[in-house]
Amino acid sequence: MTQPLGCFKSYDVRGRLGIDLDENIAVRIGRAFGRVMGPGTFVTGRDV
């Protein structure tokens, strides 16, 4: 059984690289987002 990913919150995706997220998860999220939304412009933000 797979454990749910802790990076998915109610309204966003958050996490620390290497702890909550890795490159594979980030790529899969990006591809899924592109597939669902289709062509267009979107904004990605981050906290420092």
Protein backbone atom coordinates (compact mmCIF):
# COMPACT_ATOMS: atom_id res chain seq x y z
CA MET A 1 0.00 0.00 0.00
CA THR A 2 1.29 3.45 -0.87
CA GLN A 3 1.38 6.26 1.64
CA PRO A 4 -0.25 9.55 0.66
CA LEU A 5 2.19 12.31 -0.20
CA GLY A 6 2.40 14.95 2.51
CA CYS A 7 3.17 17.67 -0.04
CA PHE A 8 -0.47 18.00 -1.12
CA LYS A 9 -2.33 20.57 0.98
CA SER A 10 -5.91 21.81 0.73
CA TYR A 11 -5.14 24.60 -1.73
CA ASP A 12 -1.59 24.00 -2.94
CA VAL A 13 1.45 21.76 -3.11
CA ARG A 14 4.18 22.50 -0.58
CA GLY A 15 7.25 20.73 0.60
CA ARG A 16 10.96 20.67 1.16
CA LEU A 17 13.08 19.27 -1.63
CA GLY A 18 14.52 15.91 -0.66
CA ILE A 19 12.15 15.53 2.29
CA ASP A 20 8.57 16.07 1.09
CA LEU A 21 9.28 16.37 -2.64
CA ASP A 22 11.83 15.02 -5.05
CA GLU A 23 12.54 15.69 -8.72
CA ASN A 24 10.41 12.73 -9.85
CA ILE A 25 7.33 13.97 -7.95
CA ALA A 26 7.82 17.54 -9.25
CA VAL A 27 8.01 16.32 -12.86
CA ARG A 28 4.92 14.14 -12.46
CA ILE A 29 2.94 17.02 -10.92
CA GLY A 30 4.01 19.37 -13.75
CA ARG A 31 3.07 16.89 -16.47
CA ALA A 32 -0.31 16.18 -14.89
CA PHE A 33 -1.00 19.91 -14.52
CA GLY A 34 -0.17 20.51 -18.18
CA ARG A 35 -2.36 17.62 -19.29
CA VAL A 36 -5.34 18.87 -17.26
CA MET A 37 -4.99 22.60 -18.02
CA GLY A 38 -3.92 22.37 -21.66
CA PRO A 39 -1.99 25.11 -23.46
CA GLY A 40 -1.85 28.52 -21.83
CA THR A 41 -0.01 30.58 -19.28
CA PHE A 42 0.25 29.88 -15.56
CA VAL A 43 2.36 31.16 -12.69
CA THR A 44 4.52 29.17 -10.31
CA GLY A 45 5.47 30.81 -7.02
CA ARG A 46 7.78 30.00 -4.16
CA ASP A 47 8.65 31.12 -0.68
CA VAL A 48 12.19 31.92 0.30
